[in-house]
Amino acid sequence: MGIISDTSLTPGRLLKHFLAADGLLQHFSALTSPTSPDTPSPTPRMFESTLTELGAEAGRAAHVGDTPRTDIAGAKAMGMLSIRCAGAVDQGDPPAADFVIHDHREIPEFLCRPA
């Protein structure tokens, strides 16, 4: 699993620190964040870098995010399965995700479906 974080509130180095402190960092093989604060999102480079680091193909990968404009649009542009998490804030703006969840425990249901 990998994380693509485009938040300007928590730079990648701080996110990595928080994940390590909570014992979660070990579960992720890739952590990608913008190279500079003014990097526009979604950037294909972030998705490509993460897929490469994971050794994954876009057509066989899923991206879970909460923001349609960046997370869902970026995943769709790469040909990835897009899952919008509407658990905290339901941003139903376009583009529409392939699936919408309200709890991360719902993710395996969509990943285990036959292609």
C-alpha atoms as a PDB file:
ATOM      1  CA  MET A   1       0.000   0.000   0.000  1.00  0.00           C
ATOM      2  CA  GLY A   2       1.069   3.537  -0.606  1.00  0.00           C
ATOM      3  CA  ILE A   3       0.019   7.020   0.371  1.00  0.00           C
ATOM      4  CA  ILE A   4      -0.293   9.956  -1.993  1.00  0.00           C
ATOM      5  CA  SER A   5      -0.645  13.043   0.155  1.00  0.00           C
ATOM      6  CA  ASP A   6      -1.237  16.387  -1.490  1.00  0.00           C
ATOM      7  CA  THR A   7      -2.151  18.276   1.656  1.00  0.00           C
ATOM      8  CA  SER A   8      -0.384  21.544   2.267  1.00  0.00           C
ATOM      9  CA  LEU A   9      -1.256  21.340   5.951  1.00  0.00           C
ATOM     10  CA  THR A  10       1.036  18.410   6.693  1.00  0.00           C
ATOM     11  CA  PRO A  11       4.231  18.131   4.626  1.00  0.00           C
ATOM     12  CA  GLY A  12       5.377  14.629   3.701  1.00  0.00           C
ATOM     13  CA  ARG A  13       8.128  14.581   6.339  1.00  0.00           C
ATOM     14  CA  LEU A  14       5.610  15.376   9.100  1.00  0.00           C
ATOM     15  CA  LEU A  15       3.102  12.848   7.797  1.00  0.00           C
ATOM     16  CA  LYS A  16       5.847  10.222   7.841  1.00  0.00           C
ATOM     17  CA  HIS A  17       6.699  11.180  11.434  1.00  0.00           C
ATOM     18  CA  PHE A  18       3.041  10.923  12.542  1.00  0.00           C
ATOM     19  CA  LEU A  19       2.581   7.559  10.814  1.00  0.00           C
ATOM     20  CA  ALA A  20       5.744   6.210  12.461  1.00  0.00           C
ATOM     21  CA  ALA A  21       4.719   7.514  15.894  1.00  0.00           C
ATOM     22  CA  ASP A  22       1.357   5.759  15.565  1.00  0.00           C
ATOM     23  CA  GLY A  23       2.939   2.497  14.366  1.00  0.00           C
ATOM     24  CA  LEU A  24       1.365   2.771  10.909  1.00  0.00           C
ATOM     25  CA  LEU A  25       4.328   3.621   8.678  1.00  0.00           C
ATOM     26  CA  GLN A  26       5.402  -0.024   8.485  1.00  0.00           C
ATOM     27  CA  HIS A  27       2.207  -0.850   6.564  1.00  0.00           C
ATOM     28  CA  PHE A  28       3.070   1.423   3.618  1.00  0.00           C
ATOM     29  CA  SER A  29       5.709   0.792   0.968  1.00  0.00           C
ATOM     30  CA  ALA A  30       5.406   4.213  -0.670  1.00  0.00           C
ATOM     31  CA  LEU A  31       4.751   7.723   0.610  1.00  0.00           C
ATOM     32  CA  THR A  32       4.451  10.358  -2.097  1.00  0.00           C
ATOM     33  CA  SER A  33       3.890  14.068  -1.554  1.00  0.00           C
ATOM     34  CA  PRO A  34       4.417  17.143  -3.746  1.00  0.00           C
ATOM     35  CA  THR A  35       8.013  18.218  -4.259  1.00  0.00           C
ATOM     36  CA  SER A  36       7.038  21.812  -3.564  1.00  0.00           C
ATOM     37  CA  PRO A  37       4.063  23.578  -1.940  1.00  0.00           C
ATOM     38  CA  ASP A  38       2.988  25.052  -5.288  1.00  0.00           C
ATOM     39  CA  THR A  39       2.835  21.704  -7.104  1.00  0.00           C
ATOM     40  CA  PRO A  40      -0.631  21.545  -8.660  1.00  0.00           C
ATOM     41  CA  SER A  41      -2.864  18.617  -7.844  1.00  0.00           C
ATOM     42  CA  PRO A  42      -3.572  16.162  -9.173  1.00  0.00           C
ATOM     43  CA  THR A  43      -0.196  15.627 -10.760  1.00  0.00           C
ATOM     44  CA  PRO A  44       0.247  12.454 -12.770  1.00  0.00           C
ATOM     45  CA  ARG A  45       3.857  12.401 -11.538  1.00  0.00           C
ATOM     46  CA  MET A  46       2.697  11.700  -7.967  1.00  0.00           C
ATOM     47  CA  PHE A  47       0.528   8.780  -9.073  1.00  0.00           C
ATOM     48  CA  GLU A  48       3.185   7.429 -11.459  1.00  0.00           C
ATOM     49  CA  SER A  49       5.878   7.630  -8.784  1.00  0.00           C
ATOM     50  CA  THR A  50       3.741   5.763  -6.272  1.00  0.00           C
ATOM     51  CA  LEU A  51       2.750   3.062  -8.758  1.00  0.00           C
ATOM     52  CA  THR A  52       6.402   2.589  -9.759  1.00  0.00           C
ATOM     53  CA  GLU A  53       7.536   2.375  -6.150  1.00  0.00           C
ATOM     54  CA  LEU A  54       4.844  -0.221  -5.445  1.00  0.00           C
ATOM     55  CA  GLY A  55       5.557  -2.163  -8.645  1.00  0.00           C
ATOM     56  CA  ALA A  56       1.883  -1.804  -9.558  1.00  0.00           C
ATOM     57  CA  GLU A  57       0.012  -1.195 -12.796  1.00  0.00           C
ATOM     58  CA  ALA A  58      -2.564   1.592 -12.831  1.00  0.00           C
ATOM     59  CA  GLY A  59      -5.249  -0.692 -14.278  1.00  0.00           C
ATOM     60  CA  ARG A  60      -4.826  -3.087 -11.362  1.00  0.00           C
ATOM     61  CA  ALA A  61      -4.593  -0.437  -8.633  1.00  0.00           C
ATOM     62  CA  ALA A  62      -7.128   1.465  -6.552  1.00  0.00           C
ATOM     63  CA  HIS A  63      -6.909   4.920  -5.047  1.00  0.00           C
ATOM     64  CA  VAL A  64      -8.942   5.947  -2.016  1.00  0.00           C
ATOM     65  CA  GLY A  65      -9.413   9.660  -1.458  1.00  0.00           C
ATOM     66  CA  ASP A  66     -11.885  12.195  -0.186  1.00  0.00           C
ATOM     67  CA  THR A  67     -11.586  15.053  -2.673  1.00  0.00           C
ATOM     68  CA  PRO A  68     -13.088  14.581  -6.142  1.00  0.00           C
ATOM     69  CA  ARG A  69     -11.108  17.432  -7.780  1.00  0.00           C
ATOM     70  CA  THR A  70      -7.732  15.971  -6.823  1.00  0.00           C
ATOM     71  CA  ASP A  71      -8.002  12.399  -5.563  1.00  0.00           C
ATOM     72  CA  ILE A  72     -10.718  11.041  -7.823  1.00  0.00           C
ATOM     73  CA  ALA A  73      -9.736  13.042 -10.928  1.00  0.00           C
ATOM     74  CA  GLY A  74      -6.097  12.001 -10.531  1.00  0.00           C
ATOM     75  CA  ALA A  75      -6.897   8.313 -10.112  1.00  0.00           C
ATOM     76  CA  LYS A  76      -9.308   8.311 -13.059  1.00  0.00           C
ATOM     77  CA  ALA A  77      -6.770  10.079 -15.282  1.00  0.00           C
ATOM     78  CA  MET A  78      -4.305   7.278 -14.526  1.00  0.00           C
ATOM     79  CA  GLY A  79      -6.846   4.520 -15.210  1.00  0.00           C
ATOM     80  CA  MET A  80      -7.043   3.464 -11.568  1.00  0.00           C
ATOM     81  CA  LEU A  81     -10.142   2.338  -9.685  1.00  0.00           C
ATOM     82  CA  SER A  82     -11.362   5.379  -7.745  1.00  0.00           C
ATOM     83  CA  ILE A  83     -12.937   5.084  -4.310  1.00  0.00           C
ATOM     84  CA  ARG A  84     -14.208   8.235  -2.587  1.00  0.00           C
ATOM     85  CA  CYS A  85     -14.311   8.149   1.189  1.00  0.00           C
ATOM     86  CA  ALA A  86     -17.253  10.234   2.360  1.00  0.00           C
ATOM     87  CA  GLY A  87     -16.823   9.351   6.037  1.00  0.00           C
ATOM     88  CA  ALA A  88     -15.818  12.737   7.460  1.00  0.00           C
ATOM     89  CA  VAL A  89     -17.009  15.126   4.743  1.00  0.00           C
ATOM     90  CA  ASP A  90     -19.125  14.094   1.789  1.00  0.00           C
ATOM     91  CA  GLN A  91     -17.831  16.063  -1.188  1.00  0.00           C
ATOM     92  CA  GLY A  92     -20.029  14.734  -3.969  1.00  0.00           C
ATOM     93  CA  ASP A  93     -18.636  17.140  -6.564  1.00  0.00           C
ATOM     94  CA  PRO A  94     -17.588  15.822  -9.980  1.00  0.00           C
ATOM     95  CA  PRO A  95     -15.949  13.733 -11.118  1.00  0.00           C
ATOM     96  CA  ALA A  96     -17.875  10.795  -9.725  1.00  0.00           C
ATOM     97  CA  ALA A  97     -15.854   7.990  -8.159  1.00  0.00           C
ATOM     98  CA  ASP A  98     -16.274   4.364  -9.150  1.00  0.00           C
ATOM     99  CA  PHE A  99     -17.375   3.635  -5.580  1.00  0.00           C
ATOM    100  CA  VAL A 100     -18.237   5.690  -2.491  1.00  0.00           C
ATOM    101  CA  ILE A 101     -17.555   4.444   1.028  1.00  0.00           C
ATOM    102  CA  HIS A 102     -18.228   5.882   4.472  1.00  0.00           C
ATOM    103  CA  ASP A 103     -15.800   3.703   6.405  1.00  0.00           C
ATOM    104  CA  HIS A 104     -12.370   2.379   5.416  1.00  0.00           C
ATOM    105  CA  ARG A 105     -13.473  -1.119   6.421  1.00  0.00           C
ATOM    106  CA  GLU A 106     -15.604  -1.143   3.251  1.00  0.00           C
ATOM    107  CA  ILE A 107     -12.544  -1.033   0.950  1.00  0.00           C
ATOM    108  CA  PRO A 108     -11.855  -4.814   0.728  1.00  0.00           C
ATOM    109  CA  GLU A 109     -15.352  -5.399  -0.682  1.00  0.00           C
ATOM    110  CA  PHE A 110     -14.428  -3.404  -3.803  1.00  0.00           C
ATOM    111  CA  LEU A 111     -10.888  -4.751  -4.135  1.00  0.00           C
ATOM    112  CA  CYS A 112     -11.960  -8.384  -3.997  1.00  0.00           C
ATOM    113  CA  ARG A 113     -14.511  -8.153  -6.798  1.00  0.00           C
ATOM    114  CA  PRO A 114     -13.674 -10.113  -9.954  1.00  0.00           C
ATOM    115  CA  ALA A 115     -12.531  -7.938 -12.845  1.00  0.00           C
END
